[in-house]
């Protein structure tokens, strides 16, 4: 298994878009997009949320679903990852890279 660094980029999706961790896709109103990622990069929810047992997510949950982390394989990948993510039409904002390790 390949080791992934703790370095990541924070992505905020445009309103109406959400990351579906189960399928690895970005979704909006029945439309799903599977972003092409370079080897070693991984999209993960910024804050994993349990799906509601009934009904739809609350407005607050929908807002949280807009935030995604792109884990990077190493620090050298950050510049290319930033350029790639900024080219996606469903991205509102990109911040980072961040490395929370001491």
N, C-alpha and C. Protein backbone atom coordinates (compact mmCIF):
# COMPACT_ATOMS: atom_id res chain seq x y z
N UNK A 1 0.84 -1.18 0.00
CA UNK A 1 0.00 0.00 0.00
C UNK A 1 0.88 1.24 0.00
N UNK A 2 0.56 2.18 -0.89
CA UNK A 2 1.34 3.40 -1.01
C UNK A 2 1.01 4.36 0.12
N UNK A 3 2.03 4.95 0.69
CA UNK A 3 1.84 5.90 1.78
C UNK A 3 1.47 7.27 1.22
N UNK A 4 0.48 7.90 1.82
CA UNK A 4 0.07 9.25 1.43
C UNK A 4 0.50 10.21 2.53
N UNK A 5 1.11 11.32 2.13
CA UNK A 5 1.54 12.30 3.11
C UNK A 5 0.32 12.93 3.77
N UNK A 6 0.55 13.71 4.79
CA UNK A 6 -0.55 14.40 5.45
C UNK A 6 -0.86 15.73 4.76
N UNK A 7 -0.07 16.09 3.74
CA UNK A 7 -0.29 17.35 3.04
C UNK A 7 -1.59 17.27 2.23
N UNK A 8 -2.37 18.36 2.25
CA UNK A 8 -3.63 18.37 1.53
C UNK A 8 -4.00 19.77 1.09
N UNK A 9 -4.94 19.82 0.15
CA UNK A 9 -5.52 21.07 -0.34
C UNK A 9 -6.99 21.06 0.06
N UNK A 10 -7.51 22.21 0.49
CA UNK A 10 -8.92 22.33 0.85
C UNK A 10 -9.66 22.91 -0.36
N UNK A 11 -10.72 22.22 -0.75
CA UNK A 11 -11.53 22.62 -1.90
C UNK A 11 -12.94 22.95 -1.40
N UNK A 12 -13.47 24.08 -1.84
CA UNK A 12 -14.86 24.41 -1.58
C UNK A 12 -15.59 24.34 -2.91
N UNK A 13 -16.57 23.46 -3.00
CA UNK A 13 -17.34 23.30 -4.22
C UNK A 13 -18.36 24.42 -4.36
N UNK A 14 -18.75 24.72 -5.58
CA UNK A 14 -19.78 25.73 -5.81
C UNK A 14 -21.09 25.28 -5.19
N UNK A 15 -21.95 26.23 -4.91
CA UNK A 15 -23.25 25.95 -4.31
C UNK A 15 -24.01 24.93 -5.15
N UNK A 16 -24.62 23.95 -4.47
CA UNK A 16 -25.38 22.92 -5.15
C UNK A 16 -24.58 21.66 -5.45
N UNK A 17 -23.26 21.74 -5.40
CA UNK A 17 -22.39 20.59 -5.65
C UNK A 17 -22.00 19.96 -4.33
N UNK A 18 -21.80 18.64 -4.32
CA UNK A 18 -21.39 17.92 -3.12
C UNK A 18 -20.51 16.74 -3.51
N UNK A 19 -19.62 16.36 -2.63
CA UNK A 19 -18.75 15.20 -2.86
C UNK A 19 -19.44 13.97 -2.31
N UNK A 20 -19.52 12.93 -3.13
CA UNK A 20 -20.07 11.64 -2.72
C UNK A 20 -18.90 10.69 -2.51
N UNK A 21 -18.53 10.48 -1.26
CA UNK A 21 -17.36 9.65 -0.94
C UNK A 21 -17.54 8.21 -1.38
N UNK A 22 -18.76 7.70 -1.34
CA UNK A 22 -19.01 6.30 -1.70
C UNK A 22 -18.65 6.04 -3.16
N UNK A 23 -18.95 6.98 -4.04
CA UNK A 23 -18.66 6.80 -5.46
C UNK A 23 -17.43 7.55 -5.93
N UNK A 24 -16.92 8.47 -5.07
CA UNK A 24 -15.76 9.27 -5.45
C UNK A 24 -16.08 10.31 -6.51
N UNK A 25 -17.36 10.71 -6.57
CA UNK A 25 -17.78 11.67 -7.58
C UNK A 25 -18.25 12.97 -6.94
N UNK A 26 -18.27 14.00 -7.76
CA UNK A 26 -18.84 15.30 -7.38
C UNK A 26 -20.21 15.34 -8.03
N UNK A 27 -21.26 15.60 -7.22
CA UNK A 27 -22.63 15.51 -7.73
C UNK A 27 -23.40 16.81 -7.59
N UNK A 28 -24.34 16.96 -8.53
CA UNK A 28 -25.29 18.08 -8.47
C UNK A 28 -26.53 17.71 -9.27
N UNK A 29 -27.68 17.74 -8.64
CA UNK A 29 -28.97 17.50 -9.28
C UNK A 29 -28.93 16.31 -10.24
N UNK A 30 -28.49 15.17 -9.76
CA UNK A 30 -28.47 13.95 -10.56
C UNK A 30 -27.30 13.81 -11.50
N UNK A 31 -26.51 14.84 -11.64
CA UNK A 31 -25.31 14.80 -12.50
C UNK A 31 -24.11 14.43 -11.64
N UNK A 32 -23.27 13.52 -12.13
CA UNK A 32 -22.08 13.11 -11.38
C UNK A 32 -20.85 13.28 -12.27
N UNK A 33 -19.80 13.86 -11.68
CA UNK A 33 -18.53 14.06 -12.38
C UNK A 33 -17.45 13.31 -11.61
N UNK A 34 -16.66 12.53 -12.32
CA UNK A 34 -15.53 11.80 -11.72
C UNK A 34 -14.25 12.52 -12.10
N UNK A 35 -13.70 13.35 -11.21
CA UNK A 35 -12.48 14.09 -11.55
C UNK A 35 -11.31 13.14 -11.79
N UNK A 36 -10.53 13.43 -12.82
CA UNK A 36 -9.31 12.68 -13.11
C UNK A 36 -8.22 13.18 -12.16
N UNK A 37 -7.67 12.28 -11.37
CA UNK A 37 -6.63 12.65 -10.42
C UNK A 37 -5.32 11.96 -10.77
N UNK A 38 -4.21 12.68 -10.66
CA UNK A 38 -2.91 12.04 -10.85
C UNK A 38 -2.70 10.94 -9.82
N UNK A 39 -1.88 9.99 -10.15
CA UNK A 39 -1.61 8.87 -9.25
C UNK A 39 -1.14 9.37 -7.88
N UNK A 40 -1.69 8.75 -6.85
CA UNK A 40 -1.30 9.08 -5.48
C UNK A 40 -2.15 10.14 -4.81
N UNK A 41 -3.00 10.83 -5.59
CA UNK A 41 -3.88 11.84 -5.00
C UNK A 41 -5.23 11.22 -4.69
N UNK A 42 -5.88 11.73 -3.65
CA UNK A 42 -7.15 11.17 -3.22
C UNK A 42 -8.07 12.27 -2.71
N UNK A 43 -9.32 12.28 -3.17
CA UNK A 43 -10.34 13.19 -2.65
C UNK A 43 -11.02 12.53 -1.46
N UNK A 44 -11.19 13.28 -0.38
CA UNK A 44 -11.87 12.79 0.81
C UNK A 44 -12.74 13.92 1.37
N UNK A 45 -13.84 13.58 2.04
CA UNK A 45 -14.65 14.63 2.65
C UNK A 45 -13.84 15.38 3.71
N UNK A 46 -14.00 16.68 3.78
CA UNK A 46 -13.31 17.44 4.81
C UNK A 46 -13.83 17.05 6.19
N UNK A 47 -15.12 16.76 6.25
CA UNK A 47 -15.76 16.32 7.49
C UNK A 47 -16.76 15.23 7.13
N UNK A 48 -16.41 13.97 7.35
CA UNK A 48 -17.36 12.90 7.01
C UNK A 48 -18.66 13.04 7.81
N UNK A 49 -19.77 12.98 7.09
CA UNK A 49 -21.08 13.10 7.72
C UNK A 49 -21.87 11.82 7.51
N UNK A 50 -22.63 11.43 8.50
CA UNK A 50 -23.54 10.30 8.34
C UNK A 50 -24.71 10.75 7.47
N UNK A 51 -25.16 9.90 6.58
CA UNK A 51 -26.31 10.21 5.74
C UNK A 51 -27.57 10.20 6.60
N UNK A 52 -28.49 11.12 6.37
CA UNK A 52 -29.73 11.12 7.14
C UNK A 52 -30.51 9.83 6.89
N UNK A 53 -31.13 9.30 7.96
CA UNK A 53 -31.91 8.07 7.81
C UNK A 53 -33.13 8.29 6.93
N UNK A 54 -33.70 9.46 7.03
CA UNK A 54 -34.86 9.80 6.21
C UNK A 54 -34.71 11.23 5.72
N UNK A 55 -35.28 11.49 4.59
CA UNK A 55 -35.30 12.86 4.10
C UNK A 55 -33.98 13.32 3.52
N UNK A 56 -33.89 14.60 3.37
CA UNK A 56 -32.73 15.24 2.75
C UNK A 56 -31.82 15.82 3.82
N UNK A 57 -30.55 16.06 3.46
CA UNK A 57 -29.65 16.73 4.40
C UNK A 57 -30.17 18.14 4.74
N UNK A 58 -29.86 18.61 5.91
CA UNK A 58 -30.23 19.96 6.31
C UNK A 58 -29.39 20.96 5.51
N UNK A 59 -29.79 22.23 5.51
CA UNK A 59 -28.96 23.24 4.83
C UNK A 59 -27.52 23.27 5.37
N UNK A 60 -27.35 23.12 6.68
CA UNK A 60 -26.00 23.12 7.25
C UNK A 60 -25.20 21.92 6.76
N UNK A 61 -25.83 20.75 6.68
CA UNK A 61 -25.14 19.55 6.18
C UNK A 61 -24.77 19.72 4.71
N UNK A 62 -25.66 20.33 3.92
CA UNK A 62 -25.35 20.57 2.51
C UNK A 62 -24.16 21.52 2.37
N UNK A 63 -24.08 22.50 3.25
CA UNK A 63 -22.95 23.43 3.22
C UNK A 63 -21.64 22.69 3.54
N UNK A 64 -21.66 21.84 4.55
CA UNK A 64 -20.47 21.07 4.92
C UNK A 64 -20.04 20.10 3.82
N UNK A 65 -21.00 19.57 3.06
CA UNK A 65 -20.69 18.64 1.97
C UNK A 65 -19.93 19.32 0.83
N UNK A 66 -19.91 20.64 0.82
CA UNK A 66 -19.20 21.38 -0.22
C UNK A 66 -17.68 21.38 0.00
N UNK A 67 -17.23 21.00 1.19
CA UNK A 67 -15.80 21.05 1.49
C UNK A 67 -15.17 19.67 1.34
N UNK A 68 -14.08 19.64 0.57
CA UNK A 68 -13.39 18.40 0.25
C UNK A 68 -11.89 18.63 0.44
N UNK A 69 -11.18 17.59 0.86
CA UNK A 69 -9.72 17.64 0.92
C UNK A 69 -9.16 16.81 -0.22
N UNK A 70 -8.12 17.32 -0.85
CA UNK A 70 -7.37 16.55 -1.83
C UNK A 70 -6.04 16.21 -1.18
N UNK A 71 -5.89 14.94 -0.82
CA UNK A 71 -4.63 14.48 -0.22
C UNK A 71 -3.58 14.36 -1.30
N UNK A 72 -2.38 14.82 -0.98
CA UNK A 72 -1.28 14.83 -1.93
C UNK A 72 -0.26 13.75 -1.60
N UNK A 73 0.36 13.15 -2.61
CA UNK A 73 1.35 12.11 -2.33
C UNK A 73 2.63 12.68 -1.73
N UNK A 74 2.97 13.93 -2.06
CA UNK A 74 4.16 14.58 -1.51
C UNK A 74 4.06 16.08 -1.76
N UNK A 75 4.93 16.84 -1.13
CA UNK A 75 4.89 18.30 -1.25
C UNK A 75 5.13 18.76 -2.68
N UNK A 76 5.90 18.01 -3.45
CA UNK A 76 6.21 18.39 -4.82
C UNK A 76 4.97 18.40 -5.71
N UNK A 77 3.93 17.68 -5.33
CA UNK A 77 2.71 17.59 -6.14
C UNK A 77 1.79 18.78 -5.96
N UNK A 78 2.06 19.64 -4.99
CA UNK A 78 1.13 20.72 -4.64
C UNK A 78 0.86 21.69 -5.79
N UNK A 79 1.87 22.17 -6.47
CA UNK A 79 1.67 23.16 -7.53
C UNK A 79 0.81 22.60 -8.66
N UNK A 80 1.09 21.38 -9.08
CA UNK A 80 0.31 20.75 -10.15
C UNK A 80 -1.13 20.51 -9.69
N UNK A 81 -1.29 20.10 -8.43
CA UNK A 81 -2.63 19.83 -7.90
C UNK A 81 -3.45 21.12 -7.83
N UNK A 82 -2.84 22.20 -7.40
CA UNK A 82 -3.55 23.48 -7.34
C UNK A 82 -4.03 23.91 -8.72
N UNK A 83 -3.17 23.79 -9.71
CA UNK A 83 -3.55 24.16 -11.08
C UNK A 83 -4.69 23.27 -11.59
N UNK A 84 -4.61 21.98 -11.31
CA UNK A 84 -5.64 21.05 -11.76
C UNK A 84 -6.98 21.39 -11.12
N UNK A 85 -7.01 21.54 -9.81
CA UNK A 85 -8.26 21.78 -9.09
C UNK A 85 -8.87 23.11 -9.50
N UNK A 86 -8.07 24.12 -9.71
CA UNK A 86 -8.61 25.42 -10.13
C UNK A 86 -9.24 25.37 -11.51
N UNK A 87 -8.91 24.36 -12.31
CA UNK A 87 -9.49 24.23 -13.65
C UNK A 87 -10.86 23.55 -13.63
N UNK A 88 -11.24 22.93 -12.53
CA UNK A 88 -12.52 22.24 -12.45
C UNK A 88 -13.66 23.27 -12.38
N UNK A 89 -14.69 23.13 -13.21
CA UNK A 89 -15.76 24.14 -13.25
C UNK A 89 -16.66 24.15 -12.02
N UNK A 90 -16.62 23.13 -11.19
CA UNK A 90 -17.49 23.06 -10.01
C UNK A 90 -16.79 23.53 -8.74
N UNK A 91 -15.60 24.09 -8.85
CA UNK A 91 -14.84 24.55 -7.68
C UNK A 91 -15.01 26.05 -7.49
N UNK A 92 -15.40 26.44 -6.27
CA UNK A 92 -15.55 27.86 -5.93
C UNK A 92 -14.24 28.43 -5.40
N UNK A 93 -13.54 27.65 -4.58
CA UNK A 93 -12.36 28.17 -3.89
C UNK A 93 -11.39 27.03 -3.58
N UNK A 94 -10.08 27.35 -3.58
CA UNK A 94 -9.04 26.38 -3.25
C UNK A 94 -8.08 27.05 -2.28
N UNK A 95 -7.75 26.36 -1.20
CA UNK A 95 -6.79 26.87 -0.22
C UNK A 95 -5.74 25.80 0.07
N UNK A 96 -4.55 26.25 0.36
CA UNK A 96 -3.49 25.32 0.74
C UNK A 96 -2.32 25.42 -0.21
N UNK A 97 -1.44 24.51 -0.10
CA UNK A 97 -1.52 23.25 0.65
C UNK A 97 -1.25 23.45 2.14
N UNK A 98 -1.77 22.50 2.90
CA UNK A 98 -1.60 22.48 4.36
C UNK A 98 -0.91 21.18 4.75
N UNK A 99 -0.14 21.26 5.80
CA UNK A 99 0.48 20.07 6.36
C UNK A 99 0.35 20.15 7.87
N UNK A 100 -0.61 19.44 8.44
CA UNK A 100 -0.86 19.55 9.88
C UNK A 100 0.18 18.83 10.75
N UNK A 101 1.06 18.08 10.12
CA UNK A 101 2.06 17.33 10.91
C UNK A 101 3.05 18.32 11.52
N UNK A 102 3.54 18.01 12.72
CA UNK A 102 4.49 18.94 13.38
C UNK A 102 5.82 18.98 12.69
